[in-house]
Structure formats: C-alpha cells, structure tokens
Amino acid sequence: MVLQTRLTKMLGIKHPIVQGGMQYVGISALASAVSNAGGLGLLTALTQPTPEALRNEIRLCRTMTDKPFGVNLTFLPAIVPPPYEEYVKVIIEEGIKVVETAGNNPGKYIKMFKEANIVVLHKCTAIRHALSAQRLGVDIISIDGYECAGHPGEDDVTGLILLAKSSKLLTIPYIASGGFGDGSGLAAALALGAEGVNMGTRFMCTVESPIHQNIKEAIVKADERSTTLVFRPFRNTSRIFKNSVAVEVNKREKKLDVQFEDVRELVSGARGKQVYTTGDPEFGVWTAGQVVGLIDDIPTCEVLVSRMVRDAENIITERLNKIYVPNSKL
C-alpha cells in the first residue's frame, strides 16, 4: 500500500509528509534529507541573512538532492521588515516550485508566486484565515492547531477541531500541522480529511537536523507538559520550550501593565539562535511543540519518514480495516 494523496500528486513527492519552515533549522542539510526520504523539505528563507544568501542555499540544496524541495517565507510584524520582495524574486528566479507562506498580509506575494506558476502552501491557525487564503488563490492550506510550536494564533482551538471543520468548509486540499510526529498521527490526519502532515519539532529531533545534540536530547527527555505559551498579553502568542527563561517570561507577563520591554532581553533572537549552536537549553527561548511528548528517539529522516508511513499503513489496513471493518475488501 502506498499513501497517495492530492498532496503527493501535486508536489511530486513519494510520501505525504512536509517539513515545516523553522528559523535557524530549515537549511539545506535538513531540507535535502527530508526530500531524499520521500517527503518535502523546506528551506527557511529568513534564516538566510540576505536574499543572495538564500539563492546560494537553494543552489547548495540542489547539490544534495534531486527530489522536490521548497522554501518557507513567513511575513511577521517588524520594526524594520526584511526585504520580502527581494526574497520572493530570488525564489522565483531560482525556479522553486513549492513555497510555504505564513503570517500577515501575504496577498501581494501570493499573487507574485502564482504568476510564476509556483504551488503555494499557506499556513493558517484559524478557519476564517484559511478561507481568506483560499480566496487569495493558494493551492494548499496547512492547518496549524493550538498544539504547534511557534505561533498557534489567539483562538486556542486544537487541531482535532480545525481539521474536522476544514473538511466541511474548504474546497482546496489541506494538510495537518501541530502535534504530529508518528504514524498514528498521520493516519488520524488522513481520517480527518487532510492530505498529509506538516512537522517541525519532530524533524528538529533527527540526525540531520542542524541543531546541537544536547537540544535533541532535551526534546527526547521532555514530555507533553514541557512547553509554554509566551507573548499572550501582546496578542502575538508563541509556543516555546519550557525552560527557566520561559518561566521567567511567564512570571513577568503576569504584571497588569506589562510591556514588551519587560521581557525583551529574555526573548532575544540572538540568544535563541545560540541555544541551537552551543547546546545550552537554558540560554534563551526556543520553539517546540507539544509533540515533544511523543518523541523518544533521534532517527535519520529516512528512518523517521519510512517508519511513519509504514505504521500509518498498518493502522489503516490492519487495525482499522480488519478489526473494525472485517468484511471490507480493502
């Protein structure tokens, strides 16, 4: 049995598994490994300091895989925004066929990608946002539930509800993101109408992931309670690993008149980046999803992807079909 879905057919990949965009993690070493394993690897555009650096990373990735891979480009509020249009032009000029977009006001850039015949996969944390993205002409929606790492939105709705509702309201394909890391999750996502899954934290904890071994081991030791939400008072909620820095951020955020300046030095992006390079999980804030509670090893991407697909196939054909639908001819 092969899990062929609209996602695999649209993207030309073997397995319905996408590696989500991750700041400081989505580089060619990981993206190429995921693509070589049969999924879709994604380079994270803004991990690269300039558009030309992204161009070089795309070209490097092409030397490491002959399979499809894409680029993630996230649009977030900033005092000095990155040169988004220049990043978009590099992506188009380099012939990238799949782009994952996320964040605010992506319409202008989605139009540019569509005019270049690029498949656009847009990440949403709410059904209303998914419907808006559908109207903008995106090809695939990535539904990101409350469980996810990074930005889960402000509604606190879990993936279970979002995915079921998506099957009723969306007319374009969608994939499941947030809380996925094994074959049972993949099978569940397909049962809920998704065409595949998107995984970030699970791919962080692989051999090819470019983060320090200590951080991978911290993920393995963690459980489902090992994350926390920060930036809630500023309506820019983010899910991060629950270390001593995160606990202090939460403590300061309880002040009635809290301002971002009260936590700024704790949540520095530079400190978070150093977590991945030095291996000290307490040095700064770093993103992780509740799926850490399901992660108990550090496999290669090939082992992870093949195991997930095999387990999902067994659940569908053996457990669900033979036990619960014994008279089925599947």
C-alpha atoms as a PDB file:
ATOM      1  CA  MET A   1       0.000   0.000   0.000  1.00  0.00           C
ATOM      2  CA  VAL A   2       1.252   3.476  -0.895  1.00  0.00           C
ATOM      3  CA  LEU A   3      -0.254   6.570   0.710  1.00  0.00           C
ATOM      4  CA  GLN A   4      -1.013   8.574  -2.407  1.00  0.00           C
ATOM      5  CA  THR A   5      -2.892  11.788  -1.746  1.00  0.00           C
ATOM      6  CA  ARG A   6      -3.574  15.031  -3.567  1.00  0.00           C
ATOM      7  CA  LEU A   7      -0.542  16.427  -1.769  1.00  0.00           C
ATOM      8  CA  THR A   8       1.857  13.787  -3.119  1.00  0.00           C
ATOM      9  CA  LYS A   9       0.448  14.176  -6.626  1.00  0.00           C
ATOM     10  CA  MET A  10       0.553  17.985  -6.637  1.00  0.00           C
ATOM     11  CA  LEU A  11       4.101  18.189  -5.282  1.00  0.00           C
ATOM     12  CA  GLY A  12       5.585  15.122  -6.960  1.00  0.00           C
ATOM     13  CA  ILE A  13       6.693  13.578  -3.663  1.00  0.00           C
ATOM     14  CA  LYS A  14       6.538   9.971  -2.508  1.00  0.00           C
ATOM     15  CA  HIS A  15       5.097  10.400   0.990  1.00  0.00           C
ATOM     16  CA  PRO A  16       2.523  12.916   2.322  1.00  0.00           C
ATOM     17  CA  ILE A  17       4.900  14.472   4.838  1.00  0.00           C
ATOM     18  CA  VAL A  18       6.159  18.072   4.797  1.00  0.00           C
ATOM     19  CA  GLN A  19       8.977  19.515   6.888  1.00  0.00           C
ATOM     20  CA  GLY A  20       7.750  22.894   8.062  1.00  0.00           C
ATOM     21  CA  GLY A  21       9.753  26.075   7.907  1.00  0.00           C
ATOM     22  CA  MET A  22      11.826  26.666  11.056  1.00  0.00           C
ATOM     23  CA  GLN A  23      14.039  29.645  11.838  1.00  0.00           C
ATOM     24  CA  TYR A  24      17.720  28.616  12.150  1.00  0.00           C
ATOM     25  CA  VAL A  25      16.790  24.973  11.443  1.00  0.00           C
ATOM     26  CA  GLY A  26      15.442  24.888   7.884  1.00  0.00           C
ATOM     27  CA  ILE A  27      18.705  24.791   5.965  1.00  0.00           C
ATOM     28  CA  SER A  28      19.883  22.568   3.117  1.00  0.00           C
ATOM     29  CA  ALA A  29      21.221  19.790   5.362  1.00  0.00           C
ATOM     30  CA  LEU A  30      17.765  19.095   6.781  1.00  0.00           C
ATOM     31  CA  ALA A  31      15.621  20.010   3.772  1.00  0.00           C
ATOM     32  CA  SER A  32      17.590  17.758   1.426  1.00  0.00           C
ATOM     33  CA  ALA A  33      17.443  14.856   3.906  1.00  0.00           C
ATOM     34  CA  VAL A  34      13.656  15.118   4.181  1.00  0.00           C
ATOM     35  CA  SER A  35      13.283  15.304   0.406  1.00  0.00           C
ATOM     36  CA  ASN A  36      15.624  12.358  -0.101  1.00  0.00           C
ATOM     37  CA  ALA A  37      13.455  10.407   2.349  1.00  0.00           C
ATOM     38  CA  GLY A  38      10.423  10.998   0.135  1.00  0.00           C
ATOM     39  CA  GLY A  39       8.845  13.959   1.911  1.00  0.00           C
ATOM     40  CA  LEU A  40       9.016  17.650   1.074  1.00  0.00           C
ATOM     41  CA  GLY A  41      11.936  19.508   2.642  1.00  0.00           C
ATOM     42  CA  LEU A  42      11.696  23.268   3.074  1.00  0.00           C
ATOM     43  CA  LEU A  43      14.415  25.880   3.336  1.00  0.00           C
ATOM     44  CA  THR A  44      13.503  28.741   5.674  1.00  0.00           C
ATOM     45  CA  ALA A  45      14.129  31.912   3.694  1.00  0.00           C
ATOM     46  CA  LEU A  46      14.614  34.292   6.613  1.00  0.00           C
ATOM     47  CA  THR A  47      17.205  32.029   8.234  1.00  0.00           C
ATOM     48  CA  GLN A  48      19.414  33.360   5.468  1.00  0.00           C
ATOM     49  CA  PRO A  49      20.599  36.918   6.246  1.00  0.00           C
ATOM     50  CA  THR A  50      20.103  38.230   2.702  1.00  0.00           C
ATOM     51  CA  PRO A  51      18.199  37.266  -0.447  1.00  0.00           C
ATOM     52  CA  GLU A  52      21.500  36.392  -2.141  1.00  0.00           C
ATOM     53  CA  ALA A  53      22.390  34.099   0.739  1.00  0.00           C
ATOM     54  CA  LEU A  54      19.061  32.349   0.145  1.00  0.00           C
ATOM     55  CA  ARG A  55      19.973  31.973  -3.520  1.00  0.00           C
ATOM     56  CA  ASN A  56      23.209  30.270  -2.535  1.00  0.00           C
ATOM     57  CA  GLU A  57      21.387  27.985  -0.085  1.00  0.00           C
ATOM     58  CA  ILE A  58      18.897  26.941  -2.769  1.00  0.00           C
ATOM     59  CA  ARG A  59      21.755  26.086  -5.096  1.00  0.00           C
ATOM     60  CA  LEU A  60      23.535  24.170  -2.346  1.00  0.00           C
ATOM     61  CA  CYS A  61      20.391  22.176  -1.626  1.00  0.00           C
ATOM     62  CA  ARG A  62      20.188  21.208  -5.292  1.00  0.00           C
ATOM     63  CA  THR A  63      23.615  19.601  -4.993  1.00  0.00           C
ATOM     64  CA  MET A  64      22.306  17.487  -2.100  1.00  0.00           C
ATOM     65  CA  THR A  65      19.041  16.195  -3.556  1.00  0.00           C
ATOM     66  CA  ASP A  66      17.431  15.691  -6.943  1.00  0.00           C
ATOM     67  CA  LYS A  67      13.994  15.451  -5.309  1.00  0.00           C
ATOM     68  CA  PRO A  68      11.457  18.284  -4.936  1.00  0.00           C
ATOM     69  CA  PHE A  69      12.051  20.779  -2.149  1.00  0.00           C
ATOM     70  CA  GLY A  70      10.565  24.181  -1.396  1.00  0.00           C
ATOM     71  CA  VAL A  71      11.090  27.413   0.511  1.00  0.00           C
ATOM     72  CA  ASN A  72       9.237  28.826   3.512  1.00  0.00           C
ATOM     73  CA  LEU A  73       8.679  32.585   3.688  1.00  0.00           C
ATOM     74  CA  THR A  74       6.955  33.972   6.782  1.00  0.00           C
ATOM     75  CA  PHE A  75       5.600  37.514   6.994  1.00  0.00           C
ATOM     76  CA  LEU A  76       5.636  38.853  10.549  1.00  0.00           C
ATOM     77  CA  PRO A  77       5.405  42.342  12.047  1.00  0.00           C
ATOM     78  CA  ALA A  78       8.804  44.007  12.460  1.00  0.00           C
ATOM     79  CA  ILE A  79      10.148  47.484  13.170  1.00  0.00           C
ATOM     80  CA  VAL A  80      12.422  47.038  10.165  1.00  0.00           C
ATOM     81  CA  PRO A  81      10.810  44.389   7.912  1.00  0.00           C
ATOM     82  CA  PRO A  82      13.056  42.106   5.869  1.00  0.00           C
ATOM     83  CA  PRO A  83      13.194  42.847   2.117  1.00  0.00           C
ATOM     84  CA  TYR A  84      10.384  40.387   1.402  1.00  0.00           C
ATOM     85  CA  GLU A  85      10.013  41.283  -2.245  1.00  0.00           C
ATOM     86  CA  GLU A  86      13.695  40.608  -2.874  1.00  0.00           C
ATOM     87  CA  TYR A  87      13.400  37.192  -1.219  1.00  0.00           C
ATOM     88  CA  VAL A  88      10.347  36.480  -3.382  1.00  0.00           C
ATOM     89  CA  LYS A  89      12.242  37.421  -6.542  1.00  0.00           C
ATOM     90  CA  VAL A  90      15.123  35.083  -5.653  1.00  0.00           C
ATOM     91  CA  ILE A  91      12.694  32.216  -5.037  1.00  0.00           C
ATOM     92  CA  ILE A  92      11.084  32.808  -8.422  1.00  0.00           C
ATOM     93  CA  GLU A  93      14.363  33.310 -10.277  1.00  0.00           C
ATOM     94  CA  GLU A  94      15.782  30.092  -8.846  1.00  0.00           C
ATOM     95  CA  GLY A  95      12.866  28.070 -10.199  1.00  0.00           C
ATOM     96  CA  ILE A  96      11.455  26.888  -6.866  1.00  0.00           C
ATOM     97  CA  LYS A  97       8.195  25.012  -7.497  1.00  0.00           C
ATOM     98  CA  VAL A  98       6.681  25.000  -3.981  1.00  0.00           C
ATOM     99  CA  VAL A  99       6.516  27.772  -1.401  1.00  0.00           C
ATOM    100  CA  GLU A 100       5.146  27.650   2.134  1.00  0.00           C
ATOM    101  CA  THR A 101       3.857  31.047   3.260  1.00  0.00           C
ATOM    102  CA  ALA A 102       2.708  32.129   6.704  1.00  0.00           C
ATOM    103  CA  GLY A 103       1.972  35.285   8.634  1.00  0.00           C
ATOM    104  CA  ASN A 104       0.207  38.572   7.945  1.00  0.00           C
ATOM    105  CA  ASN A 105      -0.961  40.139   4.687  1.00  0.00           C
ATOM    106  CA  PRO A 106       0.597  37.662   2.248  1.00  0.00           C
ATOM    107  CA  GLY A 107      -1.732  38.548  -0.649  1.00  0.00           C
ATOM    108  CA  LYS A 108       0.750  40.603  -2.686  1.00  0.00           C
ATOM    109  CA  TYR A 109       3.390  37.887  -2.503  1.00  0.00           C
ATOM    110  CA  ILE A 110       0.975  35.025  -3.111  1.00  0.00           C
ATOM    111  CA  LYS A 111      -0.014  36.787  -6.337  1.00  0.00           C
ATOM    112  CA  MET A 112       3.646  37.004  -7.379  1.00  0.00           C
ATOM    113  CA  PHE A 113       4.181  33.308  -6.671  1.00  0.00           C
ATOM    114  CA  LYS A 114       1.032  32.278  -8.539  1.00  0.00           C
ATOM    115  CA  GLU A 115       2.015  34.364 -11.572  1.00  0.00           C
ATOM    116  CA  ALA A 116       5.243  32.333 -11.587  1.00  0.00           C
ATOM    117  CA  ASN A 117       3.254  29.043 -11.502  1.00  0.00           C
ATOM    118  CA  ILE A 118       4.516  28.167  -8.047  1.00  0.00           C
ATOM    119  CA  VAL A 119       2.409  25.920  -5.798  1.00  0.00           C
ATOM    120  CA  VAL A 120       1.596  27.917  -2.655  1.00  0.00           C
ATOM    121  CA  LEU A 121       1.023  26.150   0.648  1.00  0.00           C
ATOM    122  CA  HIS A 122      -0.235  28.681   3.222  1.00  0.00           C
ATOM    123  CA  LYS A 123      -0.197  28.046   6.968  1.00  0.00           C
ATOM    124  CA  CYS A 124      -3.261  29.121   8.973  1.00  0.00           C
ATOM    125  CA  THR A 125      -4.292  28.846  12.630  1.00  0.00           C
ATOM    126  CA  ALA A 126      -7.979  29.641  12.108  1.00  0.00           C
ATOM    127  CA  ILE A 127     -10.678  28.561   9.663  1.00  0.00           C
ATOM    128  CA  ARG A 128     -11.530  32.174   8.814  1.00  0.00           C
ATOM    129  CA  HIS A 129      -7.912  32.735   7.802  1.00  0.00           C
ATOM    130  CA  ALA A 130      -7.919  29.546   5.745  1.00  0.00           C
ATOM    131  CA  LEU A 131     -11.000  30.701   3.865  1.00  0.00           C
ATOM    132  CA  SER A 132      -9.336  34.062   3.175  1.00  0.00           C
ATOM    133  CA  ALA A 133      -6.221  32.314   1.873  1.00  0.00           C
ATOM    134  CA  GLN A 134      -8.386  30.105  -0.311  1.00  0.00           C
ATOM    135  CA  ARG A 135      -9.950  33.231  -1.825  1.00  0.00           C
ATOM    136  CA  LEU A 136      -6.453  34.610  -2.458  1.00  0.00           C
ATOM    137  CA  GLY A 137      -5.758  31.593  -4.641  1.00  0.00           C
ATOM    138  CA  VAL A 138      -3.411  29.453  -2.583  1.00  0.00           C
ATOM    139  CA  ASP A 139      -3.226  25.816  -3.634  1.00  0.00           C
ATOM    140  CA  ILE A 140      -2.962  24.036  -0.269  1.00  0.00           C
ATOM    141  CA  ILE A 141      -3.750  25.077   3.303  1.00  0.00           C
ATOM    142  CA  SER A 142      -1.633  23.956   6.260  1.00  0.00           C
ATOM    143  CA  ILE A 143      -3.934  23.926   9.294  1.00  0.00           C
ATOM    144  CA  ASP A 144      -1.889  24.724  12.401  1.00  0.00           C
ATOM    145  CA  GLY A 145      -3.516  23.727  15.684  1.00  0.00           C
ATOM    146  CA  TYR A 146      -3.052  25.002  19.238  1.00  0.00           C
ATOM    147  CA  GLU A 147      -0.501  22.214  19.836  1.00  0.00           C
ATOM    148  CA  CYS A 148       2.013  23.609  17.373  1.00  0.00           C
ATOM    149  CA  ALA A 149       5.402  25.173  18.001  1.00  0.00           C
ATOM    150  CA  GLY A 150       5.808  28.815  17.149  1.00  0.00           C
ATOM    151  CA  HIS A 151       2.668  30.842  16.541  1.00  0.00           C
ATOM    152  CA  PRO A 152      -0.617  28.983  17.312  1.00  0.00           C
ATOM    153  CA  GLY A 153      -2.812  32.069  16.935  1.00  0.00           C
ATOM    154  CA  GLU A 154      -5.028  33.573  19.601  1.00  0.00           C
ATOM    155  CA  ASP A 155      -8.112  31.319  19.454  1.00  0.00           C
ATOM    156  CA  ASP A 156      -6.753  28.258  21.310  1.00  0.00           C
ATOM    157  CA  VAL A 157      -8.514  25.766  19.031  1.00  0.00           C
ATOM    158  CA  THR A 158      -6.930  22.339  18.730  1.00  0.00           C
ATOM    159  CA  GLY A 159      -6.037  20.610  15.502  1.00  0.00           C
ATOM    160  CA  LEU A 160      -8.730  17.983  16.034  1.00  0.00           C
ATOM    161  CA  ILE A 161     -11.463  20.603  15.654  1.00  0.00           C
ATOM    162  CA  LEU A 162      -9.754  22.681  12.975  1.00  0.00           C
ATOM    163  CA  LEU A 163      -9.133  19.678  10.733  1.00  0.00           C
ATOM    164  CA  ALA A 164     -12.661  18.318  11.019  1.00  0.00           C
ATOM    165  CA  LYS A 165     -14.126  21.736  10.254  1.00  0.00           C
ATOM    166  CA  SER A 166     -11.755  22.220   7.326  1.00  0.00           C
ATOM    167  CA  SER A 167     -13.200  19.125   5.674  1.00  0.00           C
ATOM    168  CA  LYS A 168     -16.608  20.802   5.716  1.00  0.00           C
ATOM    169  CA  LEU A 169     -15.637  24.294   4.585  1.00  0.00           C
ATOM    170  CA  LEU A 170     -12.524  24.184   2.407  1.00  0.00           C
ATOM    171  CA  THR A 171     -12.665  23.283  -1.266  1.00  0.00           C
ATOM    172  CA  ILE A 172      -8.894  23.056  -1.727  1.00  0.00           C
ATOM    173  CA  PRO A 173      -6.574  20.422  -0.193  1.00  0.00           C
ATOM    174  CA  TYR A 174      -5.247  20.922   3.319  1.00  0.00           C
ATOM    175  CA  ILE A 175      -2.617  19.281   5.487  1.00  0.00           C
ATOM    176  CA  ALA A 176      -2.370  18.935   9.264  1.00  0.00           C
ATOM    177  CA  SER A 177       0.227  20.754  11.362  1.00  0.00           C
ATOM    178  CA  GLY A 178       0.865  20.796  15.101  1.00  0.00           C
ATOM    179  CA  GLY A 179       1.138  17.682  17.240  1.00  0.00           C
ATOM    180  CA  PHE A 180       2.214  15.257  14.522  1.00  0.00           C
ATOM    181  CA  GLY A 181       5.240  13.018  14.862  1.00  0.00           C
ATOM    182  CA  ASP A 182       4.347   9.382  14.215  1.00  0.00           C
ATOM    183  CA  GLY A 183       2.320   7.006  12.065  1.00  0.00           C
ATOM    184  CA  SER A 184      -0.797   7.144  14.198  1.00  0.00           C
ATOM    185  CA  GLY A 185      -0.890  10.919  13.789  1.00  0.00           C
ATOM    186  CA  LEU A 186      -0.503  10.592  10.036  1.00  0.00           C
ATOM    187  CA  ALA A 187      -3.347   8.069   9.869  1.00  0.00           C
ATOM    188  CA  ALA A 188      -5.514  10.303  12.048  1.00  0.00           C
ATOM    189  CA  ALA A 189      -4.839  13.338   9.865  1.00  0.00           C
ATOM    190  CA  LEU A 190      -5.882  11.414   6.761  1.00  0.00           C
ATOM    191  CA  ALA A 191      -9.037  10.240   8.551  1.00  0.00           C
ATOM    192  CA  LEU A 192      -9.879  13.871   9.316  1.00  0.00           C
ATOM    193  CA  GLY A 193      -9.702  14.777   5.640  1.00  0.00           C
ATOM    194  CA  ALA A 194      -6.138  16.077   5.465  1.00  0.00           C
ATOM    195  CA  GLU A 195      -3.915  15.174   2.525  1.00  0.00           C
ATOM    196  CA  GLY A 196      -0.816  14.804   4.695  1.00  0.00           C
ATOM    197  CA  VAL A 197       1.020  16.274   7.669  1.00  0.00           C
ATOM    198  CA  ASN A 198       3.459  19.091   8.326  1.00  0.00           C
ATOM    199  CA  MET A 199       6.083  18.536  11.036  1.00  0.00           C
ATOM    200  CA  GLY A 200       8.594  20.909  12.572  1.00  0.00           C
ATOM    201  CA  THR A 201       9.608  19.820  16.071  1.00  0.00           C
ATOM    202  CA  ARG A 202       9.758  16.141  15.060  1.00  0.00           C
ATOM    203  CA  PHE A 203      12.241  16.948  12.281  1.00  0.00           C
ATOM    204  CA  MET A 204      14.300  19.052  14.695  1.00  0.00           C
ATOM    205  CA  CYS A 205      14.998  15.818  16.535  1.00  0.00           C
ATOM    206  CA  THR A 206      16.656  13.904  13.688  1.00  0.00           C
ATOM    207  CA  VAL A 207      20.270  13.060  12.863  1.00  0.00           C
ATOM    208  CA  GLU A 208      20.406  15.578  10.001  1.00  0.00           C
ATOM    209  CA  SER A 209      18.851  18.442  11.953  1.00  0.00           C
ATOM    210  CA  PRO A 210      21.481  21.223  12.255  1.00  0.00           C
ATOM    211  CA  ILE A 211      20.969  21.855  15.966  1.00  0.00           C
ATOM    212  CA  HIS A 212      23.165  20.801  18.870  1.00  0.00           C
ATOM    213  CA  GLN A 213      22.879  17.206  20.089  1.00  0.00           C
ATOM    214  CA  ASN A 214      22.104  18.463  23.600  1.00  0.00           C
ATOM    215  CA  ILE A 215      18.936  20.132  22.340  1.00  0.00           C
ATOM    216  CA  LYS A 216      17.841  16.970  20.555  1.00  0.00           C
ATOM    217  CA  GLU A 217      18.368  15.027  23.768  1.00  0.00           C
ATOM    218  CA  ALA A 218      16.399  17.647  25.710  1.00  0.00           C
ATOM    219  CA  ILE A 219      13.481  17.065  23.331  1.00  0.00           C
ATOM    220  CA  VAL A 220      13.667  13.301  23.875  1.00  0.00           C
ATOM    221  CA  LYS A 221      13.649  13.771  27.666  1.00  0.00           C
ATOM    222  CA  ALA A 222      10.707  16.207  27.540  1.00  0.00           C
ATOM    223  CA  ASP A 223       7.048  15.324  27.912  1.00  0.00           C
ATOM    224  CA  GLU A 224       3.821  16.895  26.661  1.00  0.00           C
ATOM    225  CA  ARG A 225       3.911  19.456  29.509  1.00  0.00           C
ATOM    226  CA  SER A 226       7.348  20.745  28.551  1.00  0.00           C
ATOM    227  CA  THR A 227       6.204  23.737  26.510  1.00  0.00           C
ATOM    228  CA  THR A 228       4.592  27.025  27.436  1.00  0.00           C
ATOM    229  CA  LEU A 229       2.938  29.999  25.747  1.00  0.00           C
ATOM    230  CA  VAL A 230       4.535  33.440  25.792  1.00  0.00           C
ATOM    231  CA  PHE A 231       3.612  36.851  24.359  1.00  0.00           C
ATOM    232  CA  ARG A 232      -0.075  36.337  25.159  1.00  0.00           C
ATOM    233  CA  PRO A 233      -0.502  39.873  26.566  1.00  0.00           C
ATOM    234  CA  PHE A 234       0.791  41.259  23.253  1.00  0.00           C
ATOM    235  CA  ARG A 235      -1.526  39.060  21.127  1.00  0.00           C
ATOM    236  CA  ASN A 236       1.465  37.513  19.410  1.00  0.00           C
ATOM    237  CA  THR A 237       1.315  34.150  21.190  1.00  0.00           C
ATOM    238  CA  SER A 238       4.217  31.773  20.691  1.00  0.00           C
ATOM    239  CA  ARG A 239       4.760  28.240  21.991  1.00  0.00           C
ATOM    240  CA  ILE A 240       8.278  27.587  23.248  1.00  0.00           C
ATOM    241  CA  PHE A 241      10.206  25.025  25.263  1.00  0.00           C
ATOM    242  CA  LYS A 242       9.528  25.447  28.979  1.00  0.00           C
ATOM    243  CA  ASN A 243      12.964  26.254  30.364  1.00  0.00           C
ATOM    244  CA  SER A 244      13.980  28.683  33.125  1.00  0.00           C
ATOM    245  CA  VAL A 245      13.933  31.639  30.736  1.00  0.00           C
ATOM    246  CA  ALA A 246      10.400  30.814  29.587  1.00  0.00           C
ATOM    247  CA  VAL A 247       9.243  30.536  33.200  1.00  0.00           C
ATOM    248  CA  GLU A 248      10.676  33.987  33.936  1.00  0.00           C
ATOM    249  CA  VAL A 249       8.949  35.425  30.869  1.00  0.00           C
ATOM    250  CA  ASN A 250       5.632  33.989  32.036  1.00  0.00           C
ATOM    251  CA  LYS A 251       6.220  35.454  35.501  1.00  0.00           C
ATOM    252  CA  ARG A 252       6.868  38.953  34.144  1.00  0.00           C
ATOM    253  CA  GLU A 253       3.883  38.746  31.798  1.00  0.00           C
ATOM    254  CA  LYS A 254       1.529  38.431  34.790  1.00  0.00           C
ATOM    255  CA  LYS A 255       2.004  42.133  35.558  1.00  0.00           C
ATOM    256  CA  LEU A 256      -1.185  44.056  34.753  1.00  0.00           C
ATOM    257  CA  ASP A 257       0.679  46.765  32.844  1.00  0.00           C
ATOM    258  CA  VAL A 258       3.295  44.515  31.229  1.00  0.00           C
ATOM    259  CA  GLN A 259       5.080  45.906  28.185  1.00  0.00           C
ATOM    260  CA  PHE A 260       7.244  44.056  25.694  1.00  0.00           C
ATOM    261  CA  GLU A 261      10.247  45.945  27.045  1.00  0.00           C
ATOM    262  CA  ASP A 262       9.789  43.994  30.285  1.00  0.00           C
ATOM    263  CA  VAL A 263      10.771  40.756  28.544  1.00  0.00           C
ATOM    264  CA  ARG A 264      12.787  41.929  25.564  1.00  0.00           C
ATOM    265  CA  GLU A 265      16.228  40.927  26.859  1.00  0.00           C
ATOM    266  CA  LEU A 266      14.979  37.453  27.751  1.00  0.00           C
ATOM    267  CA  VAL A 267      13.496  36.649  24.341  1.00  0.00           C
ATOM    268  CA  SER A 268      16.317  37.906  22.148  1.00  0.00           C
ATOM    269  CA  GLY A 269      16.529  36.045  18.865  1.00  0.00           C
ATOM    270  CA  ALA A 270      20.310  36.024  19.158  1.00  0.00           C
ATOM    271  CA  ARG A 271      20.069  34.120  22.453  1.00  0.00           C
ATOM    272  CA  GLY A 272      17.624  31.666  20.930  1.00  0.00           C
ATOM    273  CA  LYS A 273      19.944  31.025  17.994  1.00  0.00           C
ATOM    274  CA  GLN A 274      22.810  30.305  20.364  1.00  0.00           C
ATOM    275  CA  VAL A 275      20.738  27.602  22.062  1.00  0.00           C
ATOM    276  CA  TYR A 276      20.949  25.591  18.855  1.00  0.00           C
ATOM    277  CA  THR A 277      24.674  26.157  18.374  1.00  0.00           C
ATOM    278  CA  THR A 278      26.031  25.924  21.941  1.00  0.00           C
ATOM    279  CA  GLY A 279      23.636  23.239  23.164  1.00  0.00           C
ATOM    280  CA  ASP A 280      22.574  25.007  26.370  1.00  0.00           C
ATOM    281  CA  PRO A 281      18.768  24.571  26.531  1.00  0.00           C
ATOM    282  CA  GLU A 282      18.548  27.224  29.270  1.00  0.00           C
ATOM    283  CA  PHE A 283      20.395  30.016  27.446  1.00  0.00           C
ATOM    284  CA  GLY A 284      17.364  31.527  25.689  1.00  0.00           C
ATOM    285  CA  VAL A 285      13.895  30.829  24.343  1.00  0.00           C
ATOM    286  CA  TRP A 286      13.466  28.246  21.599  1.00  0.00           C
ATOM    287  CA  THR A 287      10.375  26.926  19.880  1.00  0.00           C
ATOM    288  CA  ALA A 288       8.971  23.453  20.462  1.00  0.00           C
ATOM    289  CA  GLY A 289       5.515  21.939  20.094  1.00  0.00           C
ATOM    290  CA  GLN A 290       3.570  19.694  22.435  1.00  0.00           C
ATOM    291  CA  VAL A 291       4.595  16.819  20.185  1.00  0.00           C
ATOM    292  CA  VAL A 292       7.792  16.651  22.282  1.00  0.00           C
ATOM    293  CA  GLY A 293       5.742  14.299  24.446  1.00  0.00           C
ATOM    294  CA  LEU A 294       5.679  11.785  21.572  1.00  0.00           C
ATOM    295  CA  ILE A 295       9.366  11.954  20.658  1.00  0.00           C
ATOM    296  CA  ASP A 296      11.610   9.297  22.180  1.00  0.00           C
ATOM    297  CA  ASP A 297      14.456   8.893  19.694  1.00  0.00           C
ATOM    298  CA  ILE A 298      16.729  10.717  17.237  1.00  0.00           C
ATOM    299  CA  PRO A 299      16.434   8.844  13.924  1.00  0.00           C
ATOM    300  CA  THR A 300      17.612   9.783  10.468  1.00  0.00           C
ATOM    301  CA  CYS A 301      14.990  11.468   8.312  1.00  0.00           C
ATOM    302  CA  GLU A 302      14.853   8.331   6.166  1.00  0.00           C
ATOM    303  CA  VAL A 303      14.106   6.120   9.173  1.00  0.00           C
ATOM    304  CA  LEU A 304      11.547   8.569  10.573  1.00  0.00           C
ATOM    305  CA  VAL A 305       9.611   9.046   7.346  1.00  0.00           C
ATOM    306  CA  SER A 306       9.598   5.376   6.342  1.00  0.00           C
ATOM    307  CA  ARG A 307       8.568   4.326   9.857  1.00  0.00           C
ATOM    308  CA  MET A 308       5.734   6.826   9.954  1.00  0.00           C
ATOM    309  CA  VAL A 309       4.374   5.744   6.596  1.00  0.00           C
ATOM    310  CA  ARG A 310       4.701   2.034   7.437  1.00  0.00           C
ATOM    311  CA  ASP A 311       2.930   2.495  10.776  1.00  0.00           C
ATOM    312  CA  ALA A 312       0.162   4.576   9.212  1.00  0.00           C
ATOM    313  CA  GLU A 313      -0.367   1.958   6.509  1.00  0.00           C
ATOM    314  CA  ASN A 314      -0.567  -0.792   9.136  1.00  0.00           C
ATOM    315  CA  ILE A 315      -3.095   1.165  11.173  1.00  0.00           C
ATOM    316  CA  ILE A 316      -5.272   1.745   8.116  1.00  0.00           C
ATOM    317  CA  THR A 317      -5.087  -1.752   6.635  1.00  0.00           C
ATOM    318  CA  GLU A 318      -4.771  -3.917   9.727  1.00  0.00           C
ATOM    319  CA  ARG A 319      -6.315  -2.223  12.735  1.00  0.00           C
ATOM    320  CA  LEU A 320      -8.999  -0.053  11.172  1.00  0.00           C
ATOM    321  CA  ASN A 321      -9.875  -2.261   8.237  1.00  0.00           C
ATOM    322  CA  LYS A 322      -9.546  -5.811   9.532  1.00  0.00           C
ATOM    323  CA  ILE A 323     -10.668  -5.205  13.106  1.00  0.00           C
ATOM    324  CA  TYR A 324     -13.315  -2.539  12.741  1.00  0.00           C
ATOM    325  CA  VAL A 325     -14.477  -3.283   9.178  1.00  0.00           C
ATOM    326  CA  PRO A 326     -13.824  -7.039   8.964  1.00  0.00           C
ATOM    327  CA  ASN A 327     -15.975  -7.589   5.881  1.00  0.00           C
ATOM    328  CA  SER A 328     -14.249  -4.907   3.837  1.00  0.00           C
ATOM    329  CA  LYS A 329     -12.434  -5.980   0.662  1.00  0.00           C
ATOM    330  CA  LEU A 330      -9.714  -3.334   1.055  1.00  0.00           C
END
